[in-house]
Amino acid sequence: MALDHQTVKNIARLARLHIDESDVHRYATELSRILDFVEQMNRVDTEGVMPLAHPQEGRLRVRDDIVTETNQRESFQKVAPEKEAGLYLVPKVIE
């Protein structure tokens, strides 16, 4: 599908893009190639092909769920201005 200069200018206007007059021919060529590729992909017979969420059937590597840090609540709360029962107390901001 070949796009003419006026169509490219109209697309640029709709997309709110400024294209220099010297670049219109290049954009027309590139957009035409993209549209030709889309047409080519639409002609491919995909009957009976199951859709995939990802092109590769890989699995994520998952590490063991092991605690690697010690509980440091007491040391962290030493610098807190107010705390109660292991929780930080903050001023009320919503009435």
Protein backbone atom coordinates (compact mmCIF):
# COMPACT_ATOMS: atom_id res chain seq x y z
CA MET A 1 0.00 0.00 0.00
CA ALA A 2 1.72 3.14 -1.19
CA LEU A 3 0.98 6.35 0.66
CA ASP A 4 1.08 9.65 -1.17
CA HIS A 5 2.49 12.91 0.18
CA GLN A 6 -0.90 14.33 1.09
CA THR A 7 -1.82 11.24 3.15
CA VAL A 8 1.46 11.46 5.08
CA LYS A 9 0.87 15.15 5.77
CA ASN A 10 -2.67 14.35 6.97
CA ILE A 11 -1.39 11.58 9.28
CA ALA A 12 1.22 13.96 10.69
CA ARG A 13 -1.44 16.63 11.27
CA LEU A 14 -3.71 14.16 13.06
CA ALA A 15 -0.78 13.02 15.22
CA ARG A 16 0.15 16.65 15.90
CA LEU A 17 3.62 16.10 14.41
CA HIS A 18 5.60 18.63 12.42
CA ILE A 19 7.28 17.08 9.40
CA ASP A 20 9.58 19.07 7.17
CA GLU A 21 8.60 19.05 3.51
CA SER A 22 11.96 17.47 2.66
CA ASP A 23 11.16 14.46 4.91
CA VAL A 24 7.66 13.70 3.59
CA HIS A 25 8.93 11.36 0.85
CA ARG A 26 11.04 9.36 3.34
CA TYR A 27 8.11 9.01 5.76
CA ALA A 28 5.81 7.96 2.91
CA THR A 29 8.26 5.23 1.92
CA GLU A 30 8.75 3.97 5.49
CA LEU A 31 5.05 4.00 6.36
CA SER A 32 4.23 2.21 3.10
CA ARG A 33 6.74 -0.52 3.97
CA ILE A 34 5.19 -0.93 7.42
CA LEU A 35 1.69 -1.19 5.96
CA ASP A 36 2.90 -3.69 3.35
CA PHE A 37 4.39 -5.82 6.13
CA VAL A 38 1.11 -5.71 8.08
CA GLU A 39 -0.77 -6.81 4.94
CA GLN A 40 1.73 -9.66 4.47
CA MET A 41 1.22 -10.80 8.08
CA ASN A 42 -2.58 -10.65 7.66
CA ARG A 43 -2.32 -13.08 4.73
CA VAL A 44 -0.65 -15.76 6.88
CA ASP A 45 -2.95 -18.70 7.62
CA THR A 46 -3.21 -18.97 11.43
CA GLU A 47 -6.15 -21.38 11.47
CA GLY A 48 -5.65 -23.94 14.24
CA VAL A 49 -2.72 -22.08 15.84
CA MET A 50 -3.15 -21.63 19.59
CA PRO A 51 -2.50 -18.08 20.80
CA LEU A 52 0.47 -17.63 23.10
CA ALA A 53 1.07 -15.16 25.89
CA HIS A 54 4.77 -15.30 25.06
CA PRO A 55 6.61 -16.72 22.03
CA GLN A 56 8.86 -18.87 24.21
CA GLU A 57 7.63 -21.64 26.46
CA GLY A 58 10.10 -20.80 29.24
CA ARG A 59 9.57 -20.85 32.96
CA LEU A 60 10.78 -18.30 35.45
CA ARG A 61 13.57 -19.36 37.72
CA VAL A 62 12.33 -19.12 41.29
CA ARG A 63 14.63 -19.12 44.27
CA ASP A 64 13.81 -20.83 47.54
CA ASP A 65 11.76 -18.68 49.91
CA ILE A 66 14.29 -18.53 52.73
CA VAL A 67 14.62 -15.69 55.24
CA THR A 68 18.09 -14.19 54.83
CA GLU A 69 17.83 -11.20 57.17
CA THR A 70 17.35 -11.14 60.90
CA ASN A 71 14.60 -9.22 62.68
CA GLN A 72 16.00 -5.75 63.40
CA ARG A 73 12.79 -4.05 64.56
CA GLU A 74 14.21 -3.00 67.92
CA SER A 75 17.26 -1.33 66.40
CA PHE A 76 15.17 0.44 63.75
CA GLN A 77 12.63 1.70 66.28
CA LYS A 78 15.26 3.10 68.67
CA VAL A 79 15.32 6.34 66.63
CA ALA A 80 11.52 6.58 66.25
CA PRO A 81 10.02 9.55 68.14
CA GLU A 82 6.93 7.54 69.18
CA LYS A 83 6.16 3.82 69.07
CA GLU A 84 3.76 1.43 70.72
CA ALA A 85 3.58 -2.39 70.65
CA GLY A 86 6.19 -2.56 67.87
CA LEU A 87 4.36 -0.03 65.66
CA TYR A 88 5.33 3.49 64.66
CA LEU A 89 2.93 6.19 65.90
CA VAL A 90 2.39 9.08 63.51
CA PRO A 91 0.30 12.26 63.77
CA LYS A 92 -3.26 12.01 62.51
CA VAL A 93 -3.54 13.75 59.14
CA ILE A 94 -7.18 13.04 58.20
CA GLU A 95 -10.03 14.11 60.47
